Amino acid sequence: MHNAALAAAGIEGRYTARRVDERGVYLACSEIRSGSLHGANVTMPHKRVAAAAADRLCPAAERSRAVNTLLLEEGELVGDNTDVGGVLRAWDRAGLPHDAPVLVLGGGGAAAAVFVALEGADLSVTTLPAGDGSALSESLGVEAREVPWGQVVDGAVVVNATPLGMSGESLPAGIVEAAAGLLDFPYGPETTGAVLTARASGIPAADGIDLLVAQASLSFTLWTGLEAPLEAMESAARA
């Protein structure tokens, strides 16, 4: 996806993947500081490690305590979190309602980005084990009600910030069917059952690729200063 974006923008460069441990995150940070890397994305489970490794955090990263994008600014290693802006960009592109309540599934880093992005909305959260959602919202200073796992919230936009669906798992029964919209984080070669159910019911939905492209486009702009070529990125991501 990023290689397609670089080619479309006429920028010479290469985006490659690394599987690293915590030490590998710090090594990549050293390479960014030295200029041998221009920047990096960070995925689970290292987003909090990257936050600790950065010299400075942007507001979204500071609030969510997680970093998914690293770059050098005036000699400082800066940690940003484009998951937060990616949620809002994907939300708008999918036409999800802004005046509906929101039900967030999950209490990890993805849910933290959602809480920060949607602060001030009518938020409910549900987690297994129970209590993780309340602990997350309290730690972030974002108001959210915890509801039991599987409880339907009629007319809510459901945000699945868990891995459920990546390997064919289903969300709790009735949750999607009662929703006003769906934002589904998992992605893979097959469309998740939750997204298929939503679209079959005429419910607006953003899938994991929509979110991936949205947050990646913001990373691309941070690294290059250019508007991201969204069509090229989405085409590559869905290929």
C-alpha atoms as a PDB file:
ATOM      1  CA  MET A   1       0.000   0.000   0.000  1.00  0.00           C
ATOM      2  CA  HIS A   2       2.712   2.497   0.951  1.00  0.00           C
ATOM      3  CA  ASN A   3       4.891   1.423  -1.962  1.00  0.00           C
ATOM      4  CA  ALA A   4       1.931   2.099  -4.270  1.00  0.00           C
ATOM      5  CA  ALA A   5       1.529   5.511  -2.642  1.00  0.00           C
ATOM      6  CA  LEU A   6       5.219   6.341  -3.097  1.00  0.00           C
ATOM      7  CA  ALA A   7       5.061   5.328  -6.764  1.00  0.00           C
ATOM      8  CA  ALA A   8       1.885   7.340  -7.363  1.00  0.00           C
ATOM      9  CA  ALA A   9       3.480  10.409  -5.750  1.00  0.00           C
ATOM     10  CA  GLY A  10       6.710   9.994  -7.711  1.00  0.00           C
ATOM     11  CA  ILE A  11       8.796   9.572  -4.563  1.00  0.00           C
ATOM     12  CA  GLU A  12      11.814   7.289  -4.565  1.00  0.00           C
ATOM     13  CA  GLY A  13      11.655   5.019  -1.557  1.00  0.00           C
ATOM     14  CA  ARG A  14      10.698   1.620  -0.235  1.00  0.00           C
ATOM     15  CA  TYR A  15       8.381   0.488   2.554  1.00  0.00           C
ATOM     16  CA  THR A  16       9.229  -2.892   4.081  1.00  0.00           C
ATOM     17  CA  ALA A  17       7.917  -4.944   6.994  1.00  0.00           C
ATOM     18  CA  ARG A  18       9.950  -6.061   9.991  1.00  0.00           C
ATOM     19  CA  ARG A  19       8.960  -8.549  12.652  1.00  0.00           C
ATOM     20  CA  VAL A  20      10.636  -7.254  15.809  1.00  0.00           C
ATOM     21  CA  ASP A  21      10.758  -7.655  19.557  1.00  0.00           C
ATOM     22  CA  GLU A  22      10.966  -4.712  21.971  1.00  0.00           C
ATOM     23  CA  ARG A  23      14.696  -4.331  21.286  1.00  0.00           C
ATOM     24  CA  GLY A  24      13.908  -4.151  17.567  1.00  0.00           C
ATOM     25  CA  VAL A  25      11.598  -1.191  18.156  1.00  0.00           C
ATOM     26  CA  TYR A  26      14.429   0.720  19.850  1.00  0.00           C
ATOM     27  CA  LEU A  27      16.807  -0.272  17.044  1.00  0.00           C
ATOM     28  CA  ALA A  28      14.416   1.143  14.431  1.00  0.00           C
ATOM     29  CA  CYS A  29      14.142   4.328  16.498  1.00  0.00           C
ATOM     30  CA  SER A  30      17.938   4.654  16.407  1.00  0.00           C
ATOM     31  CA  GLU A  31      17.874   4.228  12.619  1.00  0.00           C
ATOM     32  CA  ILE A  32      15.300   7.012  12.296  1.00  0.00           C
ATOM     33  CA  ARG A  33      17.408   9.303  14.476  1.00  0.00           C
ATOM     34  CA  SER A  34      20.478   8.573  12.348  1.00  0.00           C
ATOM     35  CA  GLY A  35      18.611   9.143   9.090  1.00  0.00           C
ATOM     36  CA  SER A  36      18.960   5.598   7.726  1.00  0.00           C
ATOM     37  CA  LEU A  37      15.184   5.264   8.066  1.00  0.00           C
ATOM     38  CA  HIS A  38      12.800   8.086   7.205  1.00  0.00           C
ATOM     39  CA  GLY A  39      10.026   6.813   9.463  1.00  0.00           C
ATOM     40  CA  ALA A  40       8.120   3.755  10.620  1.00  0.00           C
ATOM     41  CA  ASN A  41       4.719   2.378  11.464  1.00  0.00           C
ATOM     42  CA  VAL A  42       4.295   0.315  14.620  1.00  0.00           C
ATOM     43  CA  THR A  43       1.699  -2.406  15.091  1.00  0.00           C
ATOM     44  CA  MET A  44       0.499  -4.499  18.020  1.00  0.00           C
ATOM     45  CA  PRO A  45       1.934  -5.352  20.507  1.00  0.00           C
ATOM     46  CA  HIS A  46       4.562  -2.591  20.367  1.00  0.00           C
ATOM     47  CA  LYS A  47       2.539   0.637  20.276  1.00  0.00           C
ATOM     48  CA  ARG A  48       3.151   1.397  23.949  1.00  0.00           C
ATOM     49  CA  VAL A  49       6.840   0.488  23.601  1.00  0.00           C
ATOM     50  CA  ALA A  50       7.119   3.006  20.743  1.00  0.00           C
ATOM     51  CA  ALA A  51       5.466   5.644  22.909  1.00  0.00           C
ATOM     52  CA  ALA A  52       8.124   5.085  25.570  1.00  0.00           C
ATOM     53  CA  ALA A  53      10.929   5.162  22.977  1.00  0.00           C
ATOM     54  CA  ALA A  54       9.921   8.472  21.365  1.00  0.00           C
ATOM     55  CA  ASP A  55      11.448  11.793  22.386  1.00  0.00           C
ATOM     56  CA  ARG A  56       8.136  13.590  22.030  1.00  0.00           C
ATOM     57  CA  LEU A  57       4.515  12.554  21.593  1.00  0.00           C
ATOM     58  CA  CYS A  58       1.855  14.328  19.565  1.00  0.00           C
ATOM     59  CA  PRO A  59      -1.434  14.996  21.385  1.00  0.00           C
ATOM     60  CA  ALA A  60      -3.266  11.951  19.977  1.00  0.00           C
ATOM     61  CA  ALA A  61      -0.422   9.637  20.989  1.00  0.00           C
ATOM     62  CA  GLU A  62      -0.109  11.241  24.404  1.00  0.00           C
ATOM     63  CA  ARG A  63      -3.828  10.846  25.107  1.00  0.00           C
ATOM     64  CA  SER A  64      -4.043   7.246  23.861  1.00  0.00           C
ATOM     65  CA  ARG A  65      -0.593   6.320  25.245  1.00  0.00           C
ATOM     66  CA  ALA A  66       0.092   4.473  22.018  1.00  0.00           C
ATOM     67  CA  VAL A  67       2.218   5.250  18.941  1.00  0.00           C
ATOM     68  CA  ASN A  68       1.696   3.792  15.480  1.00  0.00           C
ATOM     69  CA  THR A  69       3.792   6.307  13.483  1.00  0.00           C
ATOM     70  CA  LEU A  70       7.364   7.457  14.070  1.00  0.00           C
ATOM     71  CA  LEU A  71       9.159  10.289  12.303  1.00  0.00           C
ATOM     72  CA  LEU A  72      12.002  12.768  12.828  1.00  0.00           C
ATOM     73  CA  GLU A  73      11.231  16.455  13.383  1.00  0.00           C
ATOM     74  CA  GLU A  74      14.046  18.910  14.077  1.00  0.00           C
ATOM     75  CA  GLY A  75      16.262  16.149  15.437  1.00  0.00           C
ATOM     76  CA  GLU A  76      13.584  14.699  17.717  1.00  0.00           C
ATOM     77  CA  LEU A  77      11.966  11.291  17.328  1.00  0.00           C
ATOM     78  CA  VAL A  78       8.247  12.072  17.322  1.00  0.00           C
ATOM     79  CA  GLY A  79       5.558   9.518  18.080  1.00  0.00           C
ATOM     80  CA  ASP A  80       2.112  10.022  16.590  1.00  0.00           C
ATOM     81  CA  ASN A  81      -1.091   7.991  16.552  1.00  0.00           C
ATOM     82  CA  THR A  82      -2.870   8.154  13.206  1.00  0.00           C
ATOM     83  CA  ASP A  83      -5.341   5.509  14.401  1.00  0.00           C
ATOM     84  CA  VAL A  84      -7.203   8.376  16.087  1.00  0.00           C
ATOM     85  CA  GLY A  85      -7.501  10.492  12.930  1.00  0.00           C
ATOM     86  CA  GLY A  86      -8.009   7.321  10.876  1.00  0.00           C
ATOM     87  CA  VAL A  87     -11.144   6.484  12.862  1.00  0.00           C
ATOM     88  CA  LEU A  88     -12.616   9.902  12.055  1.00  0.00           C
ATOM     89  CA  ARG A  89     -11.589   9.760   8.373  1.00  0.00           C
ATOM     90  CA  ALA A  90     -13.010   6.259   7.875  1.00  0.00           C
ATOM     91  CA  TRP A  91     -16.149   7.246   9.799  1.00  0.00           C
ATOM     92  CA  ASP A  92     -16.847  10.156   7.466  1.00  0.00           C
ATOM     93  CA  ARG A  93     -15.967   8.260   4.259  1.00  0.00           C
ATOM     94  CA  ALA A  94     -18.431   5.493   5.207  1.00  0.00           C
ATOM     95  CA  GLY A  95     -21.187   7.980   6.096  1.00  0.00           C
ATOM     96  CA  LEU A  96     -21.569   6.750   9.672  1.00  0.00           C
ATOM     97  CA  PRO A  97     -23.921   8.939  11.737  1.00  0.00           C
ATOM     98  CA  HIS A  98     -22.382  11.433  14.159  1.00  0.00           C
ATOM     99  CA  ASP A  99     -25.514  11.836  16.286  1.00  0.00           C
ATOM    100  CA  ALA A 100     -25.954   8.165  17.247  1.00  0.00           C
ATOM    101  CA  PRO A 101     -24.727   6.482  20.429  1.00  0.00           C
ATOM    102  CA  VAL A 102     -21.588   4.378  20.053  1.00  0.00           C
ATOM    103  CA  LEU A 103     -20.935   0.864  21.364  1.00  0.00           C
ATOM    104  CA  VAL A 104     -17.223  -0.007  21.511  1.00  0.00           C
ATOM    105  CA  LEU A 105     -16.191  -3.648  21.727  1.00  0.00           C
ATOM    106  CA  GLY A 106     -12.746  -4.032  23.274  1.00  0.00           C
ATOM    107  CA  GLY A 107     -10.503  -2.469  25.886  1.00  0.00           C
ATOM    108  CA  GLY A 108      -7.065  -2.386  24.237  1.00  0.00           C
ATOM    109  CA  GLY A 109      -5.061   0.046  22.136  1.00  0.00           C
ATOM    110  CA  ALA A 110      -7.549   0.140  19.268  1.00  0.00           C
ATOM    111  CA  ALA A 111     -10.372   0.964  21.679  1.00  0.00           C
ATOM    112  CA  ALA A 112      -8.204   3.691  23.239  1.00  0.00           C
ATOM    113  CA  ALA A 113      -7.858   5.350  19.826  1.00  0.00           C
ATOM    114  CA  VAL A 114     -11.628   5.178  19.372  1.00  0.00           C
ATOM    115  CA  PHE A 115     -12.271   6.740  22.798  1.00  0.00           C
ATOM    116  CA  VAL A 116      -9.913   9.606  22.078  1.00  0.00           C
ATOM    117  CA  ALA A 117     -11.341  10.140  18.583  1.00  0.00           C
ATOM    118  CA  LEU A 118     -14.961  10.112  19.768  1.00  0.00           C
ATOM    119  CA  GLU A 119     -14.584  11.855  23.121  1.00  0.00           C
ATOM    120  CA  GLY A 120     -17.822  13.636  23.970  1.00  0.00           C
ATOM    121  CA  ALA A 121     -20.027  11.143  22.141  1.00  0.00           C
ATOM    122  CA  ASP A 122     -22.570   8.930  23.930  1.00  0.00           C
ATOM    123  CA  LEU A 123     -20.140   6.036  24.486  1.00  0.00           C
ATOM    124  CA  SER A 124     -20.759   2.547  25.807  1.00  0.00           C
ATOM    125  CA  VAL A 125     -18.065  -0.113  26.043  1.00  0.00           C
ATOM    126  CA  THR A 126     -18.143  -3.873  26.479  1.00  0.00           C
ATOM    127  CA  THR A 127     -15.218  -6.197  27.141  1.00  0.00           C
ATOM    128  CA  LEU A 128     -14.213  -9.708  28.100  1.00  0.00           C
ATOM    129  CA  PRO A 129     -13.234  -9.840  30.877  1.00  0.00           C
ATOM    130  CA  ALA A 130     -15.704  -7.343  32.285  1.00  0.00           C
ATOM    131  CA  GLY A 131     -14.154  -4.232  33.804  1.00  0.00           C
ATOM    132  CA  ASP A 132     -11.440  -3.665  31.205  1.00  0.00           C
ATOM    133  CA  GLY A 133     -13.590  -1.098  29.386  1.00  0.00           C
ATOM    134  CA  SER A 134     -14.259   0.959  32.502  1.00  0.00           C
ATOM    135  CA  ALA A 135     -10.590   0.825  33.434  1.00  0.00           C
ATOM    136  CA  LEU A 136      -9.595   2.068  29.977  1.00  0.00           C
ATOM    137  CA  SER A 137     -12.101   4.928  29.887  1.00  0.00           C
ATOM    138  CA  GLU A 138     -11.096   6.043  33.375  1.00  0.00           C
ATOM    139  CA  SER A 139      -7.399   5.950  32.517  1.00  0.00           C
ATOM    140  CA  LEU A 140      -8.040   8.124  29.457  1.00  0.00           C
ATOM    141  CA  GLY A 141     -10.430  10.487  31.220  1.00  0.00           C
ATOM    142  CA  VAL A 142     -13.140   9.736  28.663  1.00  0.00           C
ATOM    143  CA  GLU A 143     -16.711   9.137  29.841  1.00  0.00           C
ATOM    144  CA  ALA A 144     -18.132   5.747  28.805  1.00  0.00           C
ATOM    145  CA  ARG A 145     -20.669   3.323  30.305  1.00  0.00           C
ATOM    146  CA  GLU A 146     -19.684  -0.320  30.589  1.00  0.00           C
ATOM    147  CA  VAL A 147     -22.380  -2.762  29.497  1.00  0.00           C
ATOM    148  CA  PRO A 148     -22.364  -6.574  29.702  1.00  0.00           C
ATOM    149  CA  TRP A 149     -20.757  -8.487  26.834  1.00  0.00           C
ATOM    150  CA  GLY A 150     -23.386  -9.316  24.235  1.00  0.00           C
ATOM    151  CA  GLN A 151     -25.858  -6.607  25.288  1.00  0.00           C
ATOM    152  CA  VAL A 152     -27.522  -4.920  22.323  1.00  0.00           C
ATOM    153  CA  VAL A 153     -27.549  -1.114  22.217  1.00  0.00           C
ATOM    154  CA  ASP A 154     -30.322  -0.190  19.792  1.00  0.00           C
ATOM    155  CA  GLY A 155     -29.422   2.429  17.201  1.00  0.00           C
ATOM    156  CA  ALA A 156     -25.735   2.578  18.156  1.00  0.00           C
ATOM    157  CA  VAL A 157     -22.771   2.664  15.810  1.00  0.00           C
ATOM    158  CA  VAL A 158     -20.934  -0.525  16.719  1.00  0.00           C
ATOM    159  CA  VAL A 159     -17.134  -0.239  16.762  1.00  0.00           C
ATOM    160  CA  ASN A 160     -15.458  -3.628  16.852  1.00  0.00           C
ATOM    161  CA  ALA A 161     -12.014  -2.825  18.263  1.00  0.00           C
ATOM    162  CA  THR A 162     -11.210  -6.501  18.915  1.00  0.00           C
ATOM    163  CA  PRO A 163      -9.701  -9.166  16.634  1.00  0.00           C
ATOM    164  CA  LEU A 164     -13.088 -10.923  16.439  1.00  0.00           C
ATOM    165  CA  GLY A 165     -13.828 -11.627  12.777  1.00  0.00           C
ATOM    166  CA  MET A 166     -10.247 -11.879  11.568  1.00  0.00           C
ATOM    167  CA  SER A 167     -10.464 -15.684  11.651  1.00  0.00           C
ATOM    168  CA  GLY A 168     -14.168 -15.984  10.910  1.00  0.00           C
ATOM    169  CA  GLU A 169     -15.481 -15.392  14.446  1.00  0.00           C
ATOM    170  CA  SER A 170     -18.885 -13.784  14.937  1.00  0.00           C
ATOM    171  CA  LEU A 171     -19.791 -10.786  17.044  1.00  0.00           C
ATOM    172  CA  PRO A 172     -22.436 -11.337  19.741  1.00  0.00           C
ATOM    173  CA  ALA A 173     -25.842 -12.111  18.272  1.00  0.00           C
ATOM    174  CA  GLY A 174     -28.079  -9.195  17.336  1.00  0.00           C
ATOM    175  CA  ILE A 175     -25.523  -6.435  17.946  1.00  0.00           C
ATOM    176  CA  VAL A 176     -24.942  -5.592  14.276  1.00  0.00           C
ATOM    177  CA  GLU A 177     -28.559  -6.068  13.232  1.00  0.00           C
ATOM    178  CA  ALA A 178     -29.662  -3.409  15.772  1.00  0.00           C
ATOM    179  CA  ALA A 179     -26.903  -0.966  14.820  1.00  0.00           C
ATOM    180  CA  ALA A 180     -27.038   2.367  13.006  1.00  0.00           C
ATOM    181  CA  GLY A 181     -23.560   1.748  11.589  1.00  0.00           C
ATOM    182  CA  LEU A 182     -20.472  -0.429  11.914  1.00  0.00           C
ATOM    183  CA  LEU A 183     -16.760   0.333  12.167  1.00  0.00           C
ATOM    184  CA  ASP A 184     -14.944  -3.014  12.048  1.00  0.00           C
ATOM    185  CA  PHE A 185     -11.204  -3.067  12.809  1.00  0.00           C
ATOM    186  CA  PRO A 186     -10.289  -6.644  11.736  1.00  0.00           C
ATOM    187  CA  TYR A 187      -9.192  -7.166   8.137  1.00  0.00           C
ATOM    188  CA  GLY A 188      -7.931 -10.030   6.042  1.00  0.00           C
ATOM    189  CA  PRO A 189      -8.405 -11.716   2.679  1.00  0.00           C
ATOM    190  CA  GLU A 190     -12.127 -12.221   3.352  1.00  0.00           C
ATOM    191  CA  THR A 191     -14.752  -9.665   4.376  1.00  0.00           C
ATOM    192  CA  THR A 192     -15.747 -10.234   8.005  1.00  0.00           C
ATOM    193  CA  GLY A 193     -19.151 -11.637   8.853  1.00  0.00           C
ATOM    194  CA  ALA A 194     -20.049  -8.447  10.734  1.00  0.00           C
ATOM    195  CA  VAL A 195     -19.458  -6.282   7.654  1.00  0.00           C
ATOM    196  CA  LEU A 196     -21.367  -8.711   5.410  1.00  0.00           C
ATOM    197  CA  THR A 197     -24.303  -8.664   7.840  1.00  0.00           C
ATOM    198  CA  ALA A 198     -24.324  -4.865   8.043  1.00  0.00           C
ATOM    199  CA  ARG A 199     -24.191  -4.349   4.289  1.00  0.00           C
ATOM    200  CA  ALA A 200     -26.866  -6.980   3.665  1.00  0.00           C
ATOM    201  CA  SER A 201     -29.095  -5.069   6.101  1.00  0.00           C
ATOM    202  CA  GLY A 202     -28.428  -1.693   4.491  1.00  0.00           C
ATOM    203  CA  ILE A 203     -26.391  -0.516   7.494  1.00  0.00           C
ATOM    204  CA  PRO A 204     -23.433   1.758   6.599  1.00  0.00           C
ATOM    205  CA  ALA A 205     -20.139   0.059   7.396  1.00  0.00           C
ATOM    206  CA  ALA A 206     -16.418   0.769   7.299  1.00  0.00           C
ATOM    207  CA  ASP A 207     -14.271  -2.343   7.193  1.00  0.00           C
ATOM    208  CA  GLY A 208     -10.731  -2.950   8.395  1.00  0.00           C
ATOM    209  CA  ILE A 209      -9.220  -1.996   5.039  1.00  0.00           C
ATOM    210  CA  ASP A 210     -11.062   1.344   5.145  1.00  0.00           C
ATOM    211  CA  LEU A 211      -9.487   1.977   8.541  1.00  0.00           C
ATOM    212  CA  LEU A 212      -6.076   0.752   7.433  1.00  0.00           C
ATOM    213  CA  VAL A 213      -6.045   3.072   4.426  1.00  0.00           C
ATOM    214  CA  ALA A 214      -7.324   5.995   6.497  1.00  0.00           C
ATOM    215  CA  GLN A 215      -4.632   5.761   9.157  1.00  0.00           C
ATOM    216  CA  ALA A 216      -1.928   4.940   6.594  1.00  0.00           C
ATOM    217  CA  SER A 217      -2.808   7.975   4.502  1.00  0.00           C
ATOM    218  CA  LEU A 218      -2.254  10.197   7.524  1.00  0.00           C
ATOM    219  CA  SER A 219       1.125   8.525   8.183  1.00  0.00           C
ATOM    220  CA  PHE A 220       2.096   9.104   4.543  1.00  0.00           C
ATOM    221  CA  THR A 221       1.346  12.810   4.902  1.00  0.00           C
ATOM    222  CA  LEU A 222       3.371  13.058   8.124  1.00  0.00           C
ATOM    223  CA  TRP A 223       6.405  11.480   6.418  1.00  0.00           C
ATOM    224  CA  THR A 224       6.193  13.315   3.090  1.00  0.00           C
ATOM    225  CA  GLY A 225       4.198  16.509   3.653  1.00  0.00           C
ATOM    226  CA  LEU A 226       2.002  15.493   0.700  1.00  0.00           C
ATOM    227  CA  GLU A 227      -1.647  14.542   0.374  1.00  0.00           C
ATOM    228  CA  ALA A 228      -1.873  10.763   0.198  1.00  0.00           C
ATOM    229  CA  PRO A 229      -3.026   9.156  -3.101  1.00  0.00           C
ATOM    230  CA  LEU A 230      -6.017   7.393  -1.554  1.00  0.00           C
ATOM    231  CA  GLU A 231      -7.167   5.562  -4.668  1.00  0.00           C
ATOM    232  CA  ALA A 232      -3.744   4.018  -5.243  1.00  0.00           C
ATOM    233  CA  MET A 233      -3.474   3.021  -1.598  1.00  0.00           C
ATOM    234  CA  GLU A 234      -6.920   1.459  -1.418  1.00  0.00           C
ATOM    235  CA  SER A 235      -6.430  -0.404  -4.689  1.00  0.00           C
ATOM    236  CA  ALA A 236      -3.167  -1.880  -3.409  1.00  0.00           C
ATOM    237  CA  ALA A 237      -4.632  -2.736  -0.006  1.00  0.00           C
ATOM    238  CA  ARG A 238      -7.538  -4.622  -1.549  1.00  0.00           C
ATOM    239  CA  ALA A 239      -5.489  -6.387  -4.244  1.00  0.00           C
END
